[in-house]
PDB file of all heavy atoms in Angstrom:
ATOM      1  N   SER A   1    -256.058-115.498 234.454  1.00  0.00           N
ATOM      2  CA  SER A   1    -257.329-115.568 233.793  1.00  0.00           C
ATOM      3  C   SER A   1    -257.155-116.396 232.495  1.00  0.00           C
ATOM      4  O   SER A   1    -258.061-117.222 232.160  1.00  0.00           O
ATOM      5  CB  SER A   1    -257.953-114.195 233.465  1.00  0.00           C
ATOM      6  OG  SER A   1    -257.140-113.481 232.514  1.00  0.00           O
ATOM      7  N   THR A   2    -256.070-116.209 231.778  1.00  0.00           N
ATOM      8  CA  THR A   2    -255.790-116.973 230.530  1.00  0.00           C
ATOM      9  C   THR A   2    -255.678-118.497 230.864  1.00  0.00           C
ATOM     10  O   THR A   2    -256.235-119.303 230.157  1.00  0.00           O
ATOM     11  CB  THR A   2    -254.482-116.467 229.868  1.00  0.00           C
ATOM     12  OG1 THR A   2    -254.692-115.077 229.547  1.00  0.00           O
ATOM     13  CG2 THR A   2    -254.207-117.230 228.648  1.00  0.00           C
ATOM     14  N   ALA A   3    -255.057-118.767 231.935  1.00  0.00           N
ATOM     15  CA  ALA A   3    -254.861-120.173 232.385  1.00  0.00           C
ATOM     16  C   ALA A   3    -256.279-120.813 232.641  1.00  0.00           C
ATOM     17  O   ALA A   3    -256.517-121.888 232.318  1.00  0.00           O
ATOM     18  CB  ALA A   3    -253.933-120.296 233.529  1.00  0.00           C
ATOM     19  N   ALA A   4    -257.036-120.069 233.448  1.00  0.00           N
ATOM     20  CA  ALA A   4    -258.309-120.617 233.715  1.00  0.00           C
ATOM     21  C   ALA A   4    -259.260-120.753 232.545  1.00  0.00           C
ATOM     22  O   ALA A   4    -260.007-121.810 232.518  1.00  0.00           O
ATOM     23  CB  ALA A   4    -259.065-119.564 234.705  1.00  0.00           C
ATOM     24  N   LYS A   5    -259.151-119.971 231.552  1.00  0.00           N
ATOM     25  CA  LYS A   5    -259.876-120.099 230.271  1.00  0.00           C
ATOM     26  C   LYS A   5    -259.342-121.252 229.529  1.00  0.00           C
ATOM     27  O   LYS A   5    -260.083-122.041 228.854  1.00  0.00           O
ATOM     28  CB  LYS A   5    -259.934-118.791 229.549  1.00  0.00           C
ATOM     29  CG  LYS A   5    -260.622-117.635 230.211  1.00  0.00           C
ATOM     30  CD  LYS A   5    -260.451-116.415 229.450  1.00  0.00           C
ATOM     31  CE  LYS A   5    -261.105-115.230 230.367  1.00  0.00           C
ATOM     32  NZ  LYS A   5    -260.817-113.902 229.694  1.00  0.00           N
ATOM     33  N   ALA A   6    -258.060-121.457 229.493  1.00  0.00           N
ATOM     34  CA  ALA A   6    -257.446-122.514 228.810  1.00  0.00           C
ATOM     35  C   ALA A   6    -257.946-123.882 229.305  1.00  0.00           C
ATOM     36  O   ALA A   6    -258.196-124.921 228.620  1.00  0.00           O
ATOM     37  CB  ALA A   6    -255.899-122.496 228.913  1.00  0.00           C
ATOM     38  N   LYS A   7    -258.129-123.907 230.740  1.00  0.00           N
ATOM     39  CA  LYS A   7    -258.551-125.116 231.326  1.00  0.00           C
ATOM     40  C   LYS A   7    -259.974-125.389 230.889  1.00  0.00           C
ATOM     41  O   LYS A   7    -260.405-126.644 230.677  1.00  0.00           O
ATOM     42  CB  LYS A   7    -258.529-124.919 232.872  1.00  0.00           C
ATOM     43  CG  LYS A   7    -258.905-126.183 233.699  1.00  0.00           C
ATOM     44  CD  LYS A   7    -258.719-125.966 235.173  1.00  0.00           C
ATOM     45  CE  LYS A   7    -259.150-127.152 235.914  1.00  0.00           C
ATOM     46  NZ  LYS A   7    -258.940-126.876 237.410  1.00  0.00           N
ATOM     47  N   ALA A   8    -260.759-124.414 230.763  1.00  0.00           N
ATOM     48  CA  ALA A   8    -262.206-124.537 230.290  1.00  0.00           C
ATOM     49  C   ALA A   8    -262.180-125.006 228.870  1.00  0.00           C
ATOM     50  O   ALA A   8    -263.063-125.890 228.455  1.00  0.00           O
ATOM     51  CB  ALA A   8    -262.939-123.221 230.363  1.00  0.00           C
ATOM     52  N   VAL A   9    -261.296-124.515 228.001  1.00  0.00           N
ATOM     53  CA  VAL A   9    -261.296-124.999 226.619  1.00  0.00           C
ATOM     54  C   VAL A   9    -260.915-126.428 226.568  1.00  0.00           C
ATOM     55  O   VAL A   9    -261.551-127.281 225.811  1.00  0.00           O
ATOM     56  CB  VAL A   9    -260.196-124.141 225.864  1.00  0.00           C
ATOM     57  CG1 VAL A   9    -259.833-124.771 224.508  1.00  0.00           C
ATOM     58  CG2 VAL A   9    -260.652-122.727 225.618  1.00  0.00           C
ATOM     59  N   VAL A  10    -259.871-126.856 227.270  1.00  0.00           N
ATOM     60  CA  VAL A  10    -259.563-128.337 227.283  1.00  0.00           C
ATOM     61  C   VAL A  10    -260.568-129.168 227.890  1.00  0.00           C
ATOM     62  O   VAL A  10    -260.953-130.210 227.312  1.00  0.00           O
ATOM     63  CB  VAL A  10    -258.300-128.469 228.154  1.00  0.00           C
ATOM     64  CG1 VAL A  10    -257.979-129.923 228.382  1.00  0.00           C
ATOM     65  CG2 VAL A  10    -257.079-127.887 227.410  1.00  0.00           C
ATOM     66  N   ARG A  11    -261.337-128.660 228.907  1.00  0.00           N
ATOM     67  CA  ARG A  11    -262.426-129.417 229.536  1.00  0.00           C
ATOM     68  C   ARG A  11    -263.526-129.659 228.535  1.00  0.00           C
ATOM     69  O   ARG A  11    -264.235-130.680 228.592  1.00  0.00           O
ATOM     70  CB  ARG A  11    -263.001-128.592 230.607  1.00  0.00           C
ATOM     71  CG  ARG A  11    -264.079-129.269 231.436  1.00  0.00           C
ATOM     72  CD  ARG A  11    -264.546-128.428 232.631  1.00  0.00           C
ATOM     73  NE  ARG A  11    -265.162-127.199 232.282  1.00  0.00           N
ATOM     74  CZ  ARG A  11    -264.710-125.956 232.619  1.00  0.00           C
ATOM     75  NH1 ARG A  11    -263.597-125.832 233.315  1.00  0.00           N
ATOM     76  NH2 ARG A  11    -265.361-124.888 232.226  1.00  0.00           N
ATOM     77  N   ASN A  12    -263.665-128.801 227.509  1.00  0.00           N
ATOM     78  CA  ASN A  12    -264.721-128.992 226.486  1.00  0.00           C
ATOM     79  C   ASN A  12    -264.175-129.557 225.244  1.00  0.00           C
ATOM     80  O   ASN A  12    -264.819-129.540 224.197  1.00  0.00           O
ATOM     81  CB  ASN A  12    -265.373-127.571 226.259  1.00  0.00           C
ATOM     82  CG  ASN A  12    -266.330-127.257 227.362  1.00  0.00           C
ATOM     83  OD1 ASN A  12    -267.444-127.702 227.383  1.00  0.00           O
ATOM     84  ND2 ASN A  12    -265.865-126.340 228.174  1.00  0.00           N
ATOM     85  N   GLY A  13    -263.048-130.141 225.334  1.00  0.00           N
ATOM     86  CA  GLY A  13    -262.532-130.935 224.111  1.00  0.00           C
ATOM     87  C   GLY A  13    -262.011-130.076 222.952  1.00  0.00           C
ATOM     88  O   GLY A  13    -261.859-130.611 221.807  1.00  0.00           O
ATOM     89  N   MET A  14    -261.608-128.880 223.216  1.00  0.00           N
ATOM     90  CA  MET A  14    -260.999-128.022 222.218  1.00  0.00           C
ATOM     91  C   MET A  14    -259.525-127.711 222.543  1.00  0.00           C
ATOM     92  O   MET A  14    -259.071-128.096 223.614  1.00  0.00           O
ATOM     93  CB  MET A  14    -261.761-126.718 222.057  1.00  0.00           C
ATOM     94  CG  MET A  14    -263.265-126.912 221.727  1.00  0.00           C
ATOM     95  SD  MET A  14    -264.124-125.304 221.673  1.00  0.00           S
ATOM     96  CE  MET A  14    -264.301-124.953 223.473  1.00  0.00           C
ATOM     97  N   VAL A  15    -258.850-127.219 221.587  1.00  0.00           N
ATOM     98  CA  VAL A  15    -257.423-126.960 221.706  1.00  0.00           C
ATOM     99  C   VAL A  15    -257.195-125.440 222.066  1.00  0.00           C
ATOM    100  O   VAL A  15    -257.634-124.568 221.298  1.00  0.00           O
ATOM    101  CB  VAL A  15    -256.637-127.249 220.445  1.00  0.00           C
ATOM    102  CG1 VAL A  15    -255.118-126.894 220.553  1.00  0.00           C
ATOM    103  CG2 VAL A  15    -256.771-128.763 220.013  1.00  0.00           C
ATOM    104  N   PRO A  16    -256.521-125.228 223.104  1.00  0.00           N
ATOM    105  CA  PRO A  16    -256.190-123.742 223.427  1.00  0.00           C
ATOM    106  C   PRO A  16    -254.987-123.276 222.639  1.00  0.00           C
ATOM    107  O   PRO A  16    -253.992-123.931 222.533  1.00  0.00           O
ATOM    108  CB  PRO A  16    -255.875-123.844 224.949  1.00  0.00           C
ATOM    109  CG  PRO A  16    -255.425-125.187 225.216  1.00  0.00           C
ATOM    110  CD  PRO A  16    -256.107-126.083 224.236  1.00  0.00           C
ATOM    111  N   LEU A  17    -255.193-122.181 222.029  1.00  0.00           N
ATOM    112  CA  LEU A  17    -254.070-121.438 221.288  1.00  0.00           C
ATOM    113  C   LEU A  17    -253.697-120.298 222.159  1.00  0.00           C
ATOM    114  O   LEU A  17    -254.432-119.244 222.202  1.00  0.00           O
ATOM    115  CB  LEU A  17    -254.578-120.992 219.827  1.00  0.00           C
ATOM    116  CG  LEU A  17    -253.675-120.093 219.099  1.00  0.00           C
ATOM    117  CD1 LEU A  17    -252.472-120.785 218.661  1.00  0.00           C
ATOM    118  CD2 LEU A  17    -254.406-119.596 217.839  1.00  0.00           C
ATOM    119  N   ILE A  18    -252.610-120.398 222.754  1.00  0.00           N
ATOM    120  CA  ILE A  18    -252.194-119.369 223.817  1.00  0.00           C
ATOM    121  C   ILE A  18    -251.204-118.418 223.244  1.00  0.00           C
ATOM    122  O   ILE A  18    -250.090-118.852 222.838  1.00  0.00           O
ATOM    123  CB  ILE A  18    -251.591-120.101 225.033  1.00  0.00           C
ATOM    124  CG1 ILE A  18    -252.549-121.228 225.564  1.00  0.00           C
ATOM    125  CG2 ILE A  18    -251.323-119.091 226.163  1.00  0.00           C
ATOM    126  CD1 ILE A  18    -253.858-120.830 225.967  1.00  0.00           C
ATOM    127  N   CYS A  19    -251.538-117.197 223.266  1.00  0.00           N
ATOM    128  CA  CYS A  19    -250.634-116.175 222.812  1.00  0.00           C
ATOM    129  C   CYS A  19    -249.683-115.749 224.015  1.00  0.00           C
ATOM    130  O   CYS A  19    -250.116-115.442 225.025  1.00  0.00           O
ATOM    131  CB  CYS A  19    -251.352-114.928 222.342  1.00  0.00           C
ATOM    132  SG  CYS A  19    -252.493-115.271 220.976  1.00  0.00           S
ATOM    133  N   VAL A  20    -248.391-115.853 223.636  1.00  0.00           N
ATOM    134  CA  VAL A  20    -247.330-115.466 224.738  1.00  0.00           C
ATOM    135  C   VAL A  20    -246.358-114.653 224.035  1.00  0.00           C
ATOM    136  O   VAL A  20    -246.141-114.646 222.820  1.00  0.00           O
ATOM    137  CB  VAL A  20    -246.693-116.745 225.278  1.00  0.00           C
ATOM    138  CG1 VAL A  20    -247.640-117.609 225.938  1.00  0.00           C
ATOM    139  CG2 VAL A  20    -245.923-117.567 224.122  1.00  0.00           C
ATOM    140  N   GLY A  21    -245.734-113.741 224.777  1.00  0.00           N
ATOM    141  CA  GLY A  21    -244.690-112.858 224.243  1.00  0.00           C
ATOM    142  C   GLY A  21    -244.264-111.791 225.239  1.00  0.00           C
ATOM    143  O   GLY A  21    -245.104-111.347 226.075  1.00  0.00           O
ATOM    144  N   GLU A  22    -243.051-111.374 225.047  1.00  0.00           N
ATOM    145  CA  GLU A  22    -242.510-110.328 225.913  1.00  0.00           C
ATOM    146  C   GLU A  22    -242.934-108.975 225.384  1.00  0.00           C
ATOM    147  O   GLU A  22    -243.210-108.717 224.210  1.00  0.00           O
ATOM    148  CB  GLU A  22    -240.962-110.377 225.926  1.00  0.00           C
ATOM    149  CG  GLU A  22    -240.285-109.951 224.669  1.00  0.00           C
ATOM    150  CD  GLU A  22    -240.231-111.025 223.599  1.00  0.00           C
ATOM    151  OE1 GLU A  22    -240.941-112.021 223.691  1.00  0.00           O
ATOM    152  OE2 GLU A  22    -239.579-110.716 222.549  1.00  0.00           O
ATOM    153  N   VAL A  23    -243.065-108.034 226.319  1.00  0.00           N
ATOM    154  CA  VAL A  23    -243.575-106.741 226.049  1.00  0.00           C
ATOM    155  C   VAL A  23    -242.488-105.846 225.370  1.00  0.00           C
ATOM    156  O   VAL A  23    -242.812-105.195 224.321  1.00  0.00           O
ATOM    157  CB  VAL A  23    -244.060-105.936 227.277  1.00  0.00           C
ATOM    158  CG1 VAL A  23    -244.498-104.524 226.932  1.00  0.00           C
ATOM    159  CG2 VAL A  23    -245.281-106.693 227.893  1.00  0.00           C
ATOM    160  N   MET A  24    -241.357-105.833 225.836  1.00  0.00           N
ATOM    161  CA  MET A  24    -240.282-104.939 225.303  1.00  0.00           C
ATOM    162  C   MET A  24    -239.223-105.852 224.663  1.00  0.00           C
ATOM    163  O   MET A  24    -238.925-106.963 225.155  1.00  0.00           O
ATOM    164  CB  MET A  24    -239.666-104.149 226.503  1.00  0.00           C
ATOM    165  CG  MET A  24    -240.556-103.284 227.170  1.00  0.00           C
ATOM    166  SD  MET A  24    -241.287-102.007 226.122  1.00  0.00           S
ATOM    167  CE  MET A  24    -239.833-101.013 225.805  1.00  0.00           C
ATOM    168  N   LYS A  25    -238.595-105.341 223.650  1.00  0.00           N
ATOM    169  CA  LYS A  25    -237.466-106.103 222.952  1.00  0.00           C
ATOM    170  C   LYS A  25    -236.272-106.019 223.866  1.00  0.00           C
ATOM    171  O   LYS A  25    -235.918-104.922 224.405  1.00  0.00           O
ATOM    172  CB  LYS A  25    -237.172-105.429 221.606  1.00  0.00           C
ATOM    173  CG  LYS A  25    -236.122-106.223 220.811  1.00  0.00           C
ATOM    174  CD  LYS A  25    -235.871-105.631 219.446  1.00  0.00           C
ATOM    175  CE  LYS A  25    -234.879-106.376 218.716  1.00  0.00           C
ATOM    176  NZ  LYS A  25    -234.590-105.810 217.445  1.00  0.00           N
ATOM    177  N   GLY A  26    -235.595-107.147 224.022  1.00  0.00           N
ATOM    178  CA  GLY A  26    -234.405-107.229 224.873  1.00  0.00           C
ATOM    179  C   GLY A  26    -233.588-108.346 224.372  1.00  0.00           C
ATOM    180  O   GLY A  26    -233.438-108.654 223.216  1.00  0.00           O
ATOM    181  N   GLU A  27    -232.883-109.074 225.360  1.00  0.00           N
ATOM    182  CA  GLU A  27    -232.078-110.217 224.957  1.00  0.00           C
ATOM    183  C   GLU A  27    -232.921-111.439 224.942  1.00  0.00           C
ATOM    184  O   GLU A  27    -234.043-111.533 225.556  1.00  0.00           O
ATOM    185  CB  GLU A  27    -230.954-110.333 226.014  1.00  0.00           C
ATOM    186  CG  GLU A  27    -230.015-109.170 226.063  1.00  0.00           C
ATOM    187  CD  GLU A  27    -229.246-108.967 224.822  1.00  0.00           C
ATOM    188  OE1 GLU A  27    -228.945-109.968 224.141  1.00  0.00           O
ATOM    189  OE2 GLU A  27    -229.020-107.799 224.485  1.00  0.00           O
TER     190      GLU A  27
END
């Protein structure tokens, strides 16, 4: 769903700011 919304943002000439990150601390 995040990817689909990012596509819509780009389609409308805006910049997607995508939050990414792992759930648990590890290596």
